[in-house]
C-alpha atoms as a PDB file:
ATOM      1  CA  MET A   1      91.763 122.045 160.339  1.00  0.00           C
ATOM      2  CA  ALA A   2      93.167 123.323 157.019  1.00  0.00           C
ATOM      3  CA  VAL A   3      94.740 126.771 157.181  1.00  0.00           C
ATOM      4  CA  PHE A   4      94.032 129.612 154.722  1.00  0.00           C
ATOM      5  CA  GLY A   5      91.175 127.622 153.192  1.00  0.00           C
ATOM      6  CA  ARG A   6      93.449 125.006 151.628  1.00  0.00           C
ATOM      7  CA  LYS A   7      91.795 121.914 150.240  1.00  0.00           C
ATOM      8  CA  ILE A   8      93.262 118.668 148.927  1.00  0.00           C
ATOM      9  CA  ARG A   9      91.269 115.922 147.251  1.00  0.00           C
ATOM     10  CA  MET A  10      92.888 112.549 146.581  1.00  0.00           C
ATOM     11  CA  ARG A  11      90.904 109.780 144.940  1.00  0.00           C
ATOM     12  CA  PHE A  12      91.806 106.161 144.192  1.00  0.00           C
ATOM     13  CA  GLU A  13      90.145 104.030 141.521  1.00  0.00           C
ATOM     14  CA  SER A  14      90.876 100.536 140.293  1.00  0.00           C
ATOM     15  CA  LEU A  15      91.212  99.449 136.682  1.00  0.00           C
ATOM     16  CA  SER A  16      90.391  95.911 137.846  1.00  0.00           C
ATOM     17  CA  PRO A  17      87.159  94.642 139.392  1.00  0.00           C
ATOM     18  CA  ASP A  18      87.064  95.279 143.141  1.00  0.00           C
ATOM     19  CA  PRO A  19      85.219  92.381 144.810  1.00  0.00           C
ATOM     20  CA  ASP A  20      85.286  94.138 148.195  1.00  0.00           C
ATOM     21  CA  GLY A  21      83.543  97.255 146.863  1.00  0.00           C
ATOM     22  CA  ALA A  22      86.117  99.470 148.608  1.00  0.00           C
ATOM     23  CA  LEU A  23      86.917 101.470 145.473  1.00  0.00           C
ATOM     24  CA  PRO A  24      86.640 104.153 144.292  1.00  0.00           C
ATOM     25  CA  TYR A  25      87.880 105.728 147.530  1.00  0.00           C
ATOM     26  CA  THR A  26      88.284 109.442 148.292  1.00  0.00           C
ATOM     27  CA  VAL A  27      90.486 110.436 151.217  1.00  0.00           C
ATOM     28  CA  PRO A  28      88.390 112.396 153.753  1.00  0.00           C
ATOM     29  CA  ASP A  29      88.930 116.161 153.769  1.00  0.00           C
ATOM     30  CA  SER A  30      90.070 116.005 157.386  1.00  0.00           C
ATOM     31  CA  MET A  31      93.112 113.867 156.588  1.00  0.00           C
ATOM     32  CA  ASN A  32      96.449 115.633 156.223  1.00  0.00           C
ATOM     33  CA  ILE A  33      98.161 115.044 152.872  1.00  0.00           C
ATOM     34  CA  GLY A  34     101.547 116.296 151.715  1.00  0.00           C
ATOM     35  CA  PHE A  35     102.594 116.041 148.068  1.00  0.00           C
ATOM     36  CA  THR A  36     105.249 116.747 145.466  1.00  0.00           C
ATOM     37  CA  VAL A  37     104.419 116.409 141.768  1.00  0.00           C
ATOM     38  CA  GLU A  38     106.835 116.924 138.877  1.00  0.00           C
ATOM     39  CA  ARG A  39     105.394 117.200 135.377  1.00  0.00           C
ATOM     40  CA  THR A  40     107.329 117.776 132.147  1.00  0.00           C
ATOM     41  CA  LEU A  41     106.934 117.537 128.365  1.00  0.00           C
ATOM     42  CA  LYS A  42     109.314 114.581 128.209  1.00  0.00           C
ATOM     43  CA  LYS A  43     108.186 111.103 127.225  1.00  0.00           C
ATOM     44  CA  GLU A  44     109.167 109.737 130.642  1.00  0.00           C
ATOM     45  CA  PRO A  45     106.224 109.583 133.075  1.00  0.00           C
ATOM     46  CA  SER A  46     105.627 112.584 135.311  1.00  0.00           C
ATOM     47  CA  THR A  47     105.748 111.638 138.987  1.00  0.00           C
ATOM     48  CA  LEU A  48     103.869 112.026 142.235  1.00  0.00           C
ATOM     49  CA  THR A  49     105.054 111.364 145.768  1.00  0.00           C
ATOM     50  CA  ALA A  50     102.512 111.913 148.531  1.00  0.00           C
ATOM     51  CA  THR A  51     101.993 111.027 152.161  1.00  0.00           C
ATOM     52  CA  ILE A  52      98.597 110.540 153.789  1.00  0.00           C
ATOM     53  CA  TYR A  53      98.431 110.609 157.572  1.00  0.00           C
ATOM     54  CA  ASN A  54      96.301 108.569 159.969  1.00  0.00           C
ATOM     55  CA  LEU A  55      94.192 106.508 157.581  1.00  0.00           C
ATOM     56  CA  SER A  56      92.431 103.621 159.269  1.00  0.00           C
ATOM     57  CA  ALA A  57      94.165 100.240 159.362  1.00  0.00           C
ATOM     58  CA  ASP A  58      91.474  98.795 157.089  1.00  0.00           C
ATOM     59  CA  THR A  59      91.947 101.519 154.463  1.00  0.00           C
ATOM     60  CA  ARG A  60      95.736 101.207 154.569  1.00  0.00           C
ATOM     61  CA  GLU A  61      95.528  97.471 153.994  1.00  0.00           C
ATOM     62  CA  ARG A  62      93.011  97.806 151.166  1.00  0.00           C
ATOM     63  CA  LEU A  63      95.138 100.346 149.323  1.00  0.00           C
ATOM     64  CA  GLN A  64      98.305  98.336 149.776  1.00  0.00           C
ATOM     65  CA  LYS A  65      96.868  95.118 148.396  1.00  0.00           C
ATOM     66  CA  GLN A  66      95.507  96.720 145.195  1.00  0.00           C
ATOM     67  CA  SER A  67      97.706  96.232 142.126  1.00  0.00           C
ATOM     68  CA  ASN A  68      95.949  98.332 139.481  1.00  0.00           C
ATOM     69  CA  LEU A  69      95.219 101.710 141.069  1.00  0.00           C
ATOM     70  CA  ILE A  70      94.784 105.110 139.452  1.00  0.00           C
ATOM     71  CA  VAL A  71      95.274 108.122 141.746  1.00  0.00           C
ATOM     72  CA  THR A  72      93.899 111.604 141.120  1.00  0.00           C
ATOM     73  CA  LEU A  73      95.196 114.601 143.074  1.00  0.00           C
ATOM     74  CA  GLU A  74      93.479 117.986 143.141  1.00  0.00           C
ATOM     75  CA  ALA A  75      94.236 120.976 145.336  1.00  0.00           C
ATOM     76  CA  GLY A  76      93.059 124.545 145.763  1.00  0.00           C
ATOM     77  CA  TYR A  77      91.603 127.137 148.082  1.00  0.00           C
ATOM     78  CA  GLN A  78      88.055 127.109 149.447  1.00  0.00           C
ATOM     79  CA  GLU A  79      86.094 125.076 146.878  1.00  0.00           C
ATOM     80  CA  ASN A  80      88.263 125.923 143.858  1.00  0.00           C
ATOM     81  CA  PHE A  81      90.051 122.671 143.102  1.00  0.00           C
ATOM     82  CA  HIS A  82      92.696 122.453 140.375  1.00  0.00           C
ATOM     83  CA  SER A  83      93.844 119.205 138.776  1.00  0.00           C
ATOM     84  CA  ILE A  84      97.473 118.474 139.595  1.00  0.00           C
ATOM     85  CA  PHE A  85      98.047 114.817 138.787  1.00  0.00           C
ATOM     86  CA  VAL A  86      96.413 111.667 137.404  1.00  0.00           C
ATOM     87  CA  GLY A  87      98.445 108.498 137.094  1.00  0.00           C
ATOM     88  CA  ASP A  88      99.235 104.889 137.926  1.00  0.00           C
ATOM     89  CA  VAL A  89     100.114 104.003 141.507  1.00  0.00           C
ATOM     90  CA  ARG A  90     103.505 102.287 141.689  1.00  0.00           C
ATOM     91  CA  ILE A  91     104.093 101.988 145.423  1.00  0.00           C
ATOM     92  CA  VAL A  92     101.914 102.031 148.545  1.00  0.00           C
ATOM     93  CA  ARG A  93     103.992 101.927 151.711  1.00  0.00           C
ATOM     94  CA  GLN A  94     102.872 101.970 155.350  1.00  0.00           C
ATOM     95  CA  ARG A  95     105.117 103.358 158.060  1.00  0.00           C
ATOM     96  CA  ARG A  96     105.050 105.149 161.374  1.00  0.00           C
ATOM     97  CA  GLU A  97     106.134 108.781 161.584  1.00  0.00           C
ATOM     98  CA  PRO A  98     105.866 109.194 165.369  1.00  0.00           C
ATOM     99  CA  PRO A  99     103.319 109.775 166.651  1.00  0.00           C
ATOM    100  CA  LEU A 100     101.444 109.466 163.334  1.00  0.00           C
ATOM    101  CA  LEU A 101     100.745 106.607 160.959  1.00  0.00           C
ATOM    102  CA  ALA A 102     101.686 107.412 157.381  1.00  0.00           C
ATOM    103  CA  VAL A 103     100.970 105.943 153.952  1.00  0.00           C
ATOM    104  CA  ASP A 104     103.409 106.890 151.180  1.00  0.00           C
ATOM    105  CA  ILE A 105     102.125 106.906 147.611  1.00  0.00           C
ATOM    106  CA  GLU A 106     104.373 106.920 144.547  1.00  0.00           C
ATOM    107  CA  ALA A 107     102.830 107.149 141.100  1.00  0.00           C
ATOM    108  CA  GLY A 108     103.688 107.830 137.460  1.00  0.00           C
ATOM    109  CA  ASP A 109     101.530 109.507 134.834  1.00  0.00           C
ATOM    110  CA  GLY A 110     101.105 106.806 132.202  1.00  0.00           C
ATOM    111  CA  TYR A 111     103.622 104.608 134.029  1.00  0.00           C
ATOM    112  CA  LYS A 112     101.971 101.271 133.218  1.00  0.00           C
ATOM    113  CA  GLY A 113     101.536 102.268 129.599  1.00  0.00           C
ATOM    114  CA  SER A 114     105.257 102.981 129.394  1.00  0.00           C
ATOM    115  CA  LYS A 115     105.837  99.270 130.029  1.00  0.00           C
ATOM    116  CA  ILE A 116     103.350  97.965 127.440  1.00  0.00           C
ATOM    117  CA  TRP A 117     104.801  96.290 124.350  1.00  0.00           C
ATOM    118  CA  ALA A 118     103.333  97.121 120.945  1.00  0.00           C
ATOM    119  CA  ARG A 119     103.840  94.982 117.862  1.00  0.00           C
ATOM    120  CA  LYS A 120     101.922  95.371 114.616  1.00  0.00           C
ATOM    121  CA  PHE A 121     102.566  95.661 110.876  1.00  0.00           C
ATOM    122  CA  PHE A 122     101.008  98.550 108.934  1.00  0.00           C
ATOM    123  CA  ALA A 123     100.949  98.159 105.148  1.00  0.00           C
ATOM    124  CA  LYS A 124     101.877 100.804 102.600  1.00  0.00           C
ATOM    125  CA  GLY A 125      99.038 103.291 102.199  1.00  0.00           C
ATOM    126  CA  THR A 126      97.796 102.929 105.779  1.00  0.00           C
ATOM    127  CA  SER A 127      96.614 106.162 107.365  1.00  0.00           C
ATOM    128  CA  VAL A 128      99.297 107.621 109.645  1.00  0.00           C
ATOM    129  CA  ASP A 129      96.533 108.714 111.999  1.00  0.00           C
ATOM    130  CA  SER A 130      95.410 105.113 112.448  1.00  0.00           C
ATOM    131  CA  VAL A 131      98.941 104.258 113.640  1.00  0.00           C
ATOM    132  CA  PHE A 132      98.757 107.105 116.167  1.00  0.00           C
ATOM    133  CA  ARG A 133      95.383 105.894 117.410  1.00  0.00           C
ATOM    134  CA  TYR A 134      96.651 102.322 117.705  1.00  0.00           C
ATOM    135  CA  LEU A 135      99.633 103.418 119.784  1.00  0.00           C
ATOM    136  CA  ALA A 136      97.476 105.669 121.960  1.00  0.00           C
ATOM    137  CA  THR A 137      95.133 102.775 122.683  1.00  0.00           C
ATOM    138  CA  LYS A 138      98.019 100.378 123.246  1.00  0.00           C
ATOM    139  CA  SER A 139      99.622 102.820 125.697  1.00  0.00           C
ATOM    140  CA  GLY A 140      96.730 102.264 128.085  1.00  0.00           C
ATOM    141  CA  VAL A 141      95.983 105.988 128.469  1.00  0.00           C
ATOM    142  CA  GLY A 142      93.141 108.198 127.332  1.00  0.00           C
ATOM    143  CA  PRO A 143      93.170 109.550 123.750  1.00  0.00           C
ATOM    144  CA  GLY A 144      93.353 113.153 124.947  1.00  0.00           C
ATOM    145  CA  ASN A 145      93.896 115.343 121.876  1.00  0.00           C
ATOM    146  CA  VAL A 146      95.440 112.618 119.713  1.00  0.00           C
ATOM    147  CA  ASP A 147      93.284 113.862 116.817  1.00  0.00           C
ATOM    148  CA  ARG A 148      95.331 117.066 116.945  1.00  0.00           C
ATOM    149  CA  ALA A 149      98.249 115.037 115.584  1.00  0.00           C
ATOM    150  CA  ALA A 150      96.496 114.827 112.213  1.00  0.00           C
ATOM    151  CA  GLN A 151      96.169 118.605 111.916  1.00  0.00           C
ATOM    152  CA  ILE A 152      99.784 119.168 112.952  1.00  0.00           C
ATOM    153  CA  ARG A 153     100.962 116.655 110.358  1.00  0.00           C
ATOM    154  CA  GLU A 154      98.889 118.412 107.682  1.00  0.00           C
ATOM    155  CA  ASP A 155     100.195 121.822 108.761  1.00  0.00           C
ATOM    156  CA  ASN A 156     103.727 120.469 108.361  1.00  0.00           C
ATOM    157  CA  GLY A 157     102.927 119.385 104.805  1.00  0.00           C
ATOM    158  CA  LEU A 158     103.425 115.673 105.461  1.00  0.00           C
ATOM    159  CA  PRO A 159     101.399 112.920 103.723  1.00  0.00           C
ATOM    160  CA  ASP A 160      98.479 111.293 105.472  1.00  0.00           C
ATOM    161  CA  ARG A 161      99.389 107.825 104.209  1.00  0.00           C
ATOM    162  CA  LEU A 162     102.413 105.657 104.848  1.00  0.00           C
ATOM    163  CA  GLU A 163     104.658 105.755 101.806  1.00  0.00           C
ATOM    164  CA  ASN A 164     106.152 102.446 102.895  1.00  0.00           C
ATOM    165  CA  GLY A 165     104.890  99.746 105.201  1.00  0.00           C
ATOM    166  CA  ILE A 166     106.183  99.873 108.775  1.00  0.00           C
ATOM    167  CA  THR A 167     106.344  97.481 111.681  1.00  0.00           C
ATOM    168  CA  VAL A 168     105.736  98.898 115.115  1.00  0.00           C
ATOM    169  CA  ARG A 169     107.807  96.858 117.541  1.00  0.00           C
ATOM    170  CA  GLY A 170     108.750  98.182 120.956  1.00  0.00           C
ATOM    171  CA  TYR A 171     107.308  99.898 124.008  1.00  0.00           C
ATOM    172  CA  ALA A 172     104.190 101.780 122.962  1.00  0.00           C
ATOM    173  CA  HIS A 173     105.405 105.068 124.470  1.00  0.00           C
ATOM    174  CA  GLU A 174     108.746 104.823 122.690  1.00  0.00           C
ATOM    175  CA  GLU A 175     107.103 104.018 119.360  1.00  0.00           C
ATOM    176  CA  PHE A 176     104.603 106.852 119.779  1.00  0.00           C
ATOM    177  CA  ALA A 177     107.379 109.329 120.603  1.00  0.00           C
ATOM    178  CA  ALA A 178     109.434 108.267 117.564  1.00  0.00           C
ATOM    179  CA  LEU A 179     106.485 108.477 115.162  1.00  0.00           C
ATOM    180  CA  ALA A 180     105.415 111.835 116.590  1.00  0.00           C
ATOM    181  CA  LYS A 181     108.911 113.301 116.237  1.00  0.00           C
ATOM    182  CA  SER A 182     109.082 112.188 112.595  1.00  0.00           C
ATOM    183  CA  ARG A 183     105.846 114.129 111.973  1.00  0.00           C
ATOM    184  CA  GLY A 184     106.891 117.295 113.815  1.00  0.00           C
ATOM    185  CA  ILE A 185     104.704 116.557 116.813  1.00  0.00           C
ATOM    186  CA  GLU A 186     105.668 117.049 120.450  1.00  0.00           C
ATOM    187  CA  TRP A 187     104.139 114.186 122.404  1.00  0.00           C
ATOM    188  CA  SER A 188     103.725 113.569 126.123  1.00  0.00           C
ATOM    189  CA  ILE A 189     101.303 112.090 128.626  1.00  0.00           C
ATOM    190  CA  GLN A 190      99.462 114.615 130.793  1.00  0.00           C
ATOM    191  CA  ASP A 191      96.852 113.537 133.362  1.00  0.00           C
ATOM    192  CA  ASN A 192      96.914 109.991 131.970  1.00  0.00           C
ATOM    193  CA  GLU A 193      95.984 111.185 128.471  1.00  0.00           C
ATOM    194  CA  VAL A 194      97.827 111.815 125.217  1.00  0.00           C
ATOM    195  CA  GLN A 195      98.922 115.402 124.610  1.00  0.00           C
ATOM    196  CA  ALA A 196      99.991 116.287 121.066  1.00  0.00           C
ATOM    197  CA  LEU A 197     101.494 119.721 120.395  1.00  0.00           C
ATOM    198  CA  LYS A 198     103.161 121.464 117.510  1.00  0.00           C
ATOM    199  CA  TYR A 199     106.797 121.971 118.511  1.00  0.00           C
ATOM    200  CA  GLY A 200     107.185 125.153 120.539  1.00  0.00           C
ATOM    201  CA  LYS A 201     103.432 125.777 120.698  1.00  0.00           C
ATOM    202  CA  GLY A 202     100.982 125.609 123.559  1.00  0.00           C
ATOM    203  CA  LYS A 203      97.912 123.449 123.986  1.00  0.00           C
ATOM    204  CA  GLU A 204      94.871 124.847 122.226  1.00  0.00           C
ATOM    205  CA  GLY A 205      91.559 125.397 123.988  1.00  0.00           C
ATOM    206  CA  VAL A 206      93.110 126.105 127.400  1.00  0.00           C
ATOM    207  CA  PRO A 207      92.825 129.578 128.984  1.00  0.00           C
ATOM    208  CA  VAL A 208      96.065 131.582 129.114  1.00  0.00           C
ATOM    209  CA  THR A 209      96.927 132.186 132.782  1.00  0.00           C
ATOM    210  CA  THR A 210      98.251 135.602 133.781  1.00  0.00           C
ATOM    211  CA  VAL A 211     101.209 135.845 136.153  1.00  0.00           C
ATOM    212  CA  SER A 212     101.515 139.373 137.487  1.00  0.00           C
ATOM    213  CA  SER A 213     103.514 141.179 140.154  1.00  0.00           C
ATOM    214  CA  GLY A 214     101.043 144.070 140.069  1.00  0.00           C
ATOM    215  CA  ALA A 215     103.748 146.381 138.716  1.00  0.00           C
ATOM    216  CA  SER A 216     101.804 147.780 135.759  1.00  0.00           C
ATOM    217  CA  ALA A 217      98.626 149.786 135.262  1.00  0.00           C
ATOM    218  CA  GLU A 218      97.276 147.139 132.879  1.00  0.00           C
ATOM    219  CA  TYR A 219      97.791 144.324 135.414  1.00  0.00           C
ATOM    220  CA  PRO A 220      97.568 146.066 138.817  1.00  0.00           C
ATOM    221  CA  GLU A 221      96.614 142.985 140.838  1.00  0.00           C
ATOM    222  CA  PRO A 222      99.401 140.610 141.988  1.00  0.00           C
ATOM    223  CA  THR A 223      98.561 136.977 141.337  1.00  0.00           C
ATOM    224  CA  GLY A 224     100.662 135.255 144.014  1.00  0.00           C
ATOM    225  CA  LEU A 225     104.257 135.405 142.816  1.00  0.00           C
ATOM    226  CA  ILE A 226     106.941 134.409 145.295  1.00  0.00           C
ATOM    227  CA  GLY A 227     110.002 136.514 144.571  1.00  0.00           C
ATOM    228  CA  TYR A 228     110.714 137.566 140.991  1.00  0.00           C
ATOM    229  CA  PRO A 229     110.713 135.690 137.673  1.00  0.00           C
ATOM    230  CA  THR A 230     114.053 135.365 135.889  1.00  0.00           C
ATOM    231  CA  VAL A 231     115.039 134.536 132.317  1.00  0.00           C
ATOM    232  CA  ASP A 232     118.570 133.223 131.735  1.00  0.00           C
ATOM    233  CA  ASN A 233     120.839 133.609 128.707  1.00  0.00           C
ATOM    234  CA  LYS A 234     119.255 130.506 127.134  1.00  0.00           C
ATOM    235  CA  GLY A 235     115.794 132.020 127.364  1.00  0.00           C
ATOM    236  CA  THR A 236     114.549 129.781 130.183  1.00  0.00           C
ATOM    237  CA  LEU A 237     111.963 131.385 132.428  1.00  0.00           C
ATOM    238  CA  VAL A 238     111.901 130.358 136.118  1.00  0.00           C
ATOM    239  CA  PHE A 239     109.576 131.496 138.885  1.00  0.00           C
ATOM    240  CA  ASN A 240     107.707 130.342 141.987  1.00  0.00           C
ATOM    241  CA  HIS A 241     104.016 130.998 142.497  1.00  0.00           C
ATOM    242  CA  ARG A 242     101.119 130.019 144.688  1.00  0.00           C
ATOM    243  CA  LEU A 243      98.853 127.408 143.108  1.00  0.00           C
ATOM    244  CA  LEU A 244      97.182 128.597 139.906  1.00  0.00           C
ATOM    245  CA  PRO A 245      94.694 126.943 137.529  1.00  0.00           C
ATOM    246  CA  ASN A 246      95.672 125.822 134.033  1.00  0.00           C
ATOM    247  CA  VAL A 247      99.415 125.691 134.706  1.00  0.00           C
ATOM    248  CA  PHE A 248     100.890 122.457 133.341  1.00  0.00           C
ATOM    249  CA  PRO A 249     103.470 121.451 130.725  1.00  0.00           C
ATOM    250  CA  GLY A 250     102.219 122.744 127.394  1.00  0.00           C
ATOM    251  CA  SER A 251     100.007 125.490 128.825  1.00  0.00           C
ATOM    252  CA  LEU A 252     100.560 129.171 128.056  1.00  0.00           C
ATOM    253  CA  LEU A 253     101.278 132.004 130.468  1.00  0.00           C
ATOM    254  CA  ASN A 254     100.967 135.764 130.153  1.00  0.00           C
ATOM    255  CA  VAL A 255     103.824 137.015 132.346  1.00  0.00           C
ATOM    256  CA  GLN A 256     103.632 140.679 133.377  1.00  0.00           C
ATOM    257  CA  THR A 257     106.317 141.726 135.848  1.00  0.00           C
ATOM    258  CA  GLU A 258     108.848 144.525 136.115  1.00  0.00           C
ATOM    259  CA  PHE A 259     111.639 142.847 134.147  1.00  0.00           C
ATOM    260  CA  VAL A 260     109.891 139.883 132.484  1.00  0.00           C
ATOM    261  CA  LYS A 261     106.966 140.447 130.138  1.00  0.00           C
ATOM    262  CA  GLY A 262     105.431 138.345 127.406  1.00  0.00           C
ATOM    263  CA  ARG A 263     103.877 135.021 126.576  1.00  0.00           C
ATOM    264  CA  TYR A 264     105.618 131.835 127.688  1.00  0.00           C
ATOM    265  CA  ARG A 265     104.993 128.110 127.384  1.00  0.00           C
ATOM    266  CA  VAL A 266     105.358 125.874 130.440  1.00  0.00           C
ATOM    267  CA  LEU A 267     108.029 123.179 130.043  1.00  0.00           C
ATOM    268  CA  ARG A 268     108.144 121.896 133.619  1.00  0.00           C
ATOM    269  CA  ALA A 269     105.956 122.360 136.677  1.00  0.00           C
ATOM    270  CA  LEU A 270     106.909 121.231 140.182  1.00  0.00           C
ATOM    271  CA  TYR A 271     103.936 121.320 142.550  1.00  0.00           C
ATOM    272  CA  SER A 272     104.311 120.923 146.295  1.00  0.00           C
ATOM    273  CA  GLY A 273     102.462 121.566 149.528  1.00  0.00           C
ATOM    274  CA  SER A 274     100.382 120.015 152.264  1.00  0.00           C
ATOM    275  CA  LEU A 275      97.081 120.569 153.999  1.00  0.00           C
ATOM    276  CA  TRP A 276      98.512 121.585 157.364  1.00  0.00           C
ATOM    277  CA  GLY A 277     102.136 122.363 156.537  1.00  0.00           C
ATOM    278  CA  SER A 278     103.711 124.361 153.695  1.00  0.00           C
ATOM    279  CA  ASP A 279     101.406 126.282 151.365  1.00  0.00           C
ATOM    280  CA  PHE A 280     100.689 125.183 147.802  1.00  0.00           C
ATOM    281  CA  ASN A 281     103.503 126.191 145.473  1.00  0.00           C
ATOM    282  CA  ILE A 282     104.372 125.787 141.791  1.00  0.00           C
ATOM    283  CA  GLU A 283     107.925 126.086 140.540  1.00  0.00           C
ATOM    284  CA  VAL A 284     107.677 126.762 136.814  1.00  0.00           C
ATOM    285  CA  GLU A 285     110.177 126.564 133.967  1.00  0.00           C
ATOM    286  CA  GLY A 286     109.167 127.887 130.589  1.00  0.00           C
ATOM    287  CA  GLU A 287     110.236 129.273 127.236  1.00  0.00           C
ATOM    288  CA  ALA A 288     109.048 132.152 125.070  1.00  0.00           C
ATOM    289  CA  ALA A 289     105.992 131.185 123.020  1.00  0.00           C
END
C-alpha cells in the first residue's frame, strides 16, 4: 500500500479513434509508479519518464501498440492531487525488472506539435493575434492563454496589424517562438497548452504559493522544505521541497526563510518520486519577480 498517504494518478487517452474501446485508461491506484518530470520555460518540450509496475499483459500490449497517446500525471497526498504533466507519449517499452514486470513511458509536453510544419502567407494589415491563433492551432496543443499575447503586445506598445506581409514557413513551435519574441512575449508549452507571459513576469490568475521554513512570526508553519534555499551571484534561486500545488514554470512563489525572502518566478521544476519508494519532491530554480 502507499506510504504517508501518497497518491499517483496516471491516465492515458488517444487522439485517434480506439476501435477496441480500451481508452481512456487510468492506471489502478494499487499499481506502483515511479516518475521524473522536468519542466522549463524553454521552447523545447518538457519531459516525463515513468515506470509502471505489474500491469497485465493485455494492458501492456494495448498501450504499446497505440501511436497517438496523451498521458496525464497527477500526484499528491490523501485525495489532494496536483497536476504534474500532460503530454504526448513518445515511447512505451516493456521489460522485466526481476521479479517485477515494468512498462517504461517517455513523453514530451507538446512533442508532436514540435514536429508539425506550418506554412501560410499573411497579407499586410492582418491581425497579429490571428497569426498567433493560427500557430497555436497548428501546434496541435490547447490554446491555453494565447489571448494574453494580445494584451502583452498592446502593453509593449506594438501595433496590432502586420506592417508588412509575412510568410510563416517552418515548424509551428519555432515560428511561434520567433513571433512571440519579436512582440516581447515569453512563450512555452505547459500541460499541452500555450502559455504566454510578459518577459520576467508570472502567469496571471494562479495562486502564489508560499515556501516557508517556519522561521518568522508571520509565516510560523514550515511548508515542507528540504534543506535551505540558496540564491547565487546571478540571482538564481534553488531549493528542494515536498510536492506543492501551483508550482510550475511561470508560477510565482512567496519565499520566506531565514536568508531568502521575497517573490520569485519559477524557471524550472524537476518533479520526482514514486508510490512505494522515494517521497514526492520538487527541485525548483527561479528568479526574482
